[in-house]
Amino acid sequence: MAATTYAIAIGSNRYGRHGPPARTVAAAIAVLPGVIAVAPTIASAPLGPSTRRFANTVVLLRVTDDPPMLLRRLKAIERRFGRRATRTWGARILDLDIVLWSAGQWRSRTLTIPHRSFRDRAFVLGPLAAIAGDWRDPSTGLRVRHLAHQVDRPRPRP
């Protein structure tokens, strides 16, 4: 397979062997294959039941892996960092999600690209817009910077 580019969202909100969440994110970036761009790391509020703030960023990878192979590699990195199965949206040492793929869309039982929720997550879209603002969402055709603007836009109260 020819090399393609992936956008990977990275998050942490628990201390691990690398220290606090921001250091865990930096350590994860250091072991990812084919990193070609790194967005600034931001702090964000958790979704769901967790009470710990997250450190989040997005990186671009240029690799020859197909989506299932890259997913296996990312899950192996999560396990090496100490991630264990937790409840949905619970605290975690490391979370690595494939957000976008330069070859378009992918759907299987275990993986959907683009990531199902990335359009609603400012903590993904903000960093992604910083390094790939012109990348188009293959599902909507909108540029990442436009999606980031939409998610940050104040909405009228019902």
Protein backbone atom coordinates (compact mmCIF):
# COMPACT_ATOMS: atom_id res chain seq x y z
CA MET A 1 0.00 0.00 0.00
CA ALA A 2 1.22 3.51 -0.78
CA ALA A 3 1.75 5.91 2.10
CA THR A 4 -1.35 7.82 3.21
CA THR A 5 -1.95 10.43 5.88
CA TYR A 6 -4.02 9.95 9.01
CA ALA A 7 -5.19 12.47 11.60
CA ILE A 8 -4.91 10.93 15.07
CA ALA A 9 -6.57 12.48 18.12
CA ILE A 10 -4.63 11.96 21.35
CA GLY A 11 -6.01 12.38 24.84
CA SER A 12 -5.04 11.60 28.43
CA ASN A 13 -6.54 12.47 31.79
CA ARG A 14 -4.77 10.09 34.20
CA TYR A 15 -1.25 9.94 35.52
CA GLY A 16 0.78 7.07 34.10
CA ARG A 17 4.41 5.97 34.05
CA HIS A 18 5.24 9.07 31.99
CA GLY A 19 3.73 11.42 34.55
CA PRO A 20 0.79 13.80 34.20
CA PRO A 21 -1.50 13.76 31.16
CA ALA A 22 0.43 16.37 29.11
CA ARG A 23 3.65 14.35 29.51
CA THR A 24 1.80 11.16 28.58
CA VAL A 25 0.58 12.84 25.38
CA ALA A 26 4.15 13.96 24.55
CA ALA A 27 5.51 10.46 25.21
CA ALA A 28 2.83 8.94 22.96
CA ILE A 29 3.75 11.32 20.13
CA ALA A 30 7.37 10.20 20.48
CA VAL A 31 6.48 6.54 19.80
CA LEU A 32 3.95 7.07 17.00
CA PRO A 33 5.14 6.07 13.52
CA GLY A 34 5.51 8.61 10.70
CA VAL A 35 4.60 11.81 12.57
CA ILE A 36 4.64 14.74 10.12
CA ALA A 37 2.78 17.41 12.11
CA VAL A 38 1.83 18.01 15.74
CA ALA A 39 -0.82 20.44 16.96
CA PRO A 40 -0.47 22.30 20.25
CA THR A 41 -1.66 20.37 23.29
CA ILE A 42 -4.71 21.87 24.96
CA ALA A 43 -6.57 21.24 28.21
CA SER A 44 -10.23 20.32 27.96
CA ALA A 45 -13.14 19.36 30.16
CA PRO A 46 -14.08 15.67 30.21
CA LEU A 47 -17.15 14.20 28.55
CA GLY A 48 -19.34 11.90 30.57
CA PRO A 49 -18.71 10.77 34.15
CA SER A 50 -14.98 11.49 34.47
CA THR A 51 -14.05 14.55 36.52
CA ARG A 52 -10.41 14.87 35.44
CA ARG A 53 -9.43 17.39 32.75
CA PHE A 54 -7.85 16.06 29.58
CA ALA A 55 -4.69 16.96 27.73
CA ASN A 56 -5.56 16.72 24.01
CA THR A 57 -3.81 17.17 20.71
CA VAL A 58 -3.89 15.89 17.14
CA VAL A 59 -1.03 14.61 15.00
CA LEU A 60 -0.73 13.77 11.34
CA LEU A 61 0.91 10.46 10.47
CA ARG A 62 2.22 9.43 7.05
CA VAL A 63 2.34 5.62 6.97
CA THR A 64 1.76 2.71 4.62
CA ASP A 65 -0.63 0.96 7.05
CA ASP A 66 -4.20 0.33 5.99
CA PRO A 67 -6.78 1.47 8.59
CA PRO A 68 -7.15 -1.89 10.41
CA MET A 69 -3.35 -2.27 10.70
CA LEU A 70 -2.95 1.26 12.05
CA LEU A 71 -5.78 0.68 14.53
CA ARG A 72 -3.98 -2.46 15.82
CA ARG A 73 -0.74 -0.46 16.22
CA LEU A 74 -2.53 2.35 18.08
CA LYS A 75 -4.28 -0.10 20.42
CA ALA A 76 -0.92 -1.78 21.16
CA ILE A 77 0.57 1.62 22.07
CA GLU A 78 -2.39 2.33 24.37
CA ARG A 79 -1.81 -1.00 26.13
CA ARG A 80 1.95 -0.34 26.47
CA PHE A 81 1.10 2.96 28.17
CA GLY A 82 -1.12 1.11 30.65
CA ARG A 83 -4.58 1.60 29.21
CA ARG A 84 -7.10 -0.91 30.45
CA ALA A 85 -10.70 -1.44 29.43
CA THR A 86 -12.75 1.22 31.17
CA ARG A 87 -16.30 2.39 31.01
CA THR A 88 -17.23 4.62 28.10
CA TRP A 89 -15.87 8.14 28.62
CA GLY A 90 -14.14 7.12 31.85
CA ALA A 91 -10.70 8.33 32.92
CA ARG A 92 -7.89 6.92 30.81
CA ILE A 93 -4.13 7.06 30.63
CA LEU A 94 -4.09 7.27 26.83
CA ASP A 95 -6.65 7.42 24.06
CA LEU A 96 -5.58 7.30 20.39
CA ASP A 97 -8.35 7.70 17.80
CA ILE A 98 -8.17 7.72 14.02
CA VAL A 99 -10.11 10.83 13.02
CA LEU A 100 -9.49 11.25 9.27
CA TRP A 101 -7.69 9.37 6.49
CA SER A 102 -6.40 10.97 3.29
CA ALA A 103 -7.82 8.07 1.24
CA GLY A 104 -11.36 8.94 2.31
CA GLN A 105 -13.75 6.78 4.30
CA TRP A 106 -13.49 3.36 5.91
CA ARG A 107 -16.14 1.30 7.62
CA SER A 108 -15.82 -2.06 9.28
CA ARG A 109 -17.24 -3.69 12.38
CA THR A 110 -14.43 -2.25 14.54
CA LEU A 111 -13.51 1.01 12.81
CA THR A 112 -15.25 3.94 11.16
CA ILE A 113 -13.34 6.74 9.42
CA PRO A 114 -14.08 9.62 9.70
CA HIS A 115 -14.48 9.20 13.45
CA ARG A 116 -18.19 9.29 14.24
CA SER A 117 -18.01 12.13 16.79
CA PHE A 118 -15.12 14.34 15.66
CA ARG A 119 -17.42 17.00 14.16
CA ASP A 120 -18.88 17.73 17.62
CA ARG A 121 -15.62 17.89 19.56
CA ALA A 122 -13.85 21.22 19.88
CA PHE A 123 -10.92 19.48 21.63
CA VAL A 124 -10.30 17.57 18.37
CA LEU A 125 -11.29 20.18 15.79
CA GLY A 126 -9.30 23.06 17.32
CA PRO A 127 -5.94 21.26 17.29
CA LEU A 128 -6.74 19.61 13.94
CA ALA A 129 -7.54 22.98 12.37
CA ALA A 130 -4.14 24.26 13.54
CA ILE A 131 -2.29 21.69 11.42
CA ALA A 132 -4.78 20.65 8.72
CA GLY A 133 -7.42 23.36 8.47
CA ASP A 134 -7.96 22.80 4.75
CA TRP A 135 -8.46 19.02 5.05
CA ARG A 136 -12.01 18.21 3.92
CA ASP A 137 -14.30 15.89 5.82
CA PRO A 138 -15.15 13.23 3.18
CA SER A 139 -18.67 12.85 4.58
CA THR A 140 -19.73 16.51 4.56
CA GLY A 141 -17.22 18.11 2.18
CA LEU A 142 -16.55 20.83 4.75
CA ARG A 143 -13.03 21.93 5.61
CA VAL A 144 -11.79 21.20 9.13
CA ARG A 145 -11.46 24.92 9.87
CA HIS A 146 -15.15 25.40 9.00
CA LEU A 147 -16.15 22.48 11.23
CA ALA A 148 -14.04 23.98 14.04
CA HIS A 149 -15.76 27.34 13.61
CA GLN A 150 -19.19 25.68 13.69
CA VAL A 151 -18.53 23.75 16.89
CA ASP A 152 -17.26 26.89 18.66
CA ARG A 153 -20.10 29.12 17.47
CA PRO A 154 -22.51 30.18 20.22
CA ARG A 155 -25.94 28.66 19.76
CA PRO A 156 -29.21 30.26 20.74
CA ARG A 157 -30.89 28.83 23.81
CA PRO A 158 -34.13 26.91 23.17
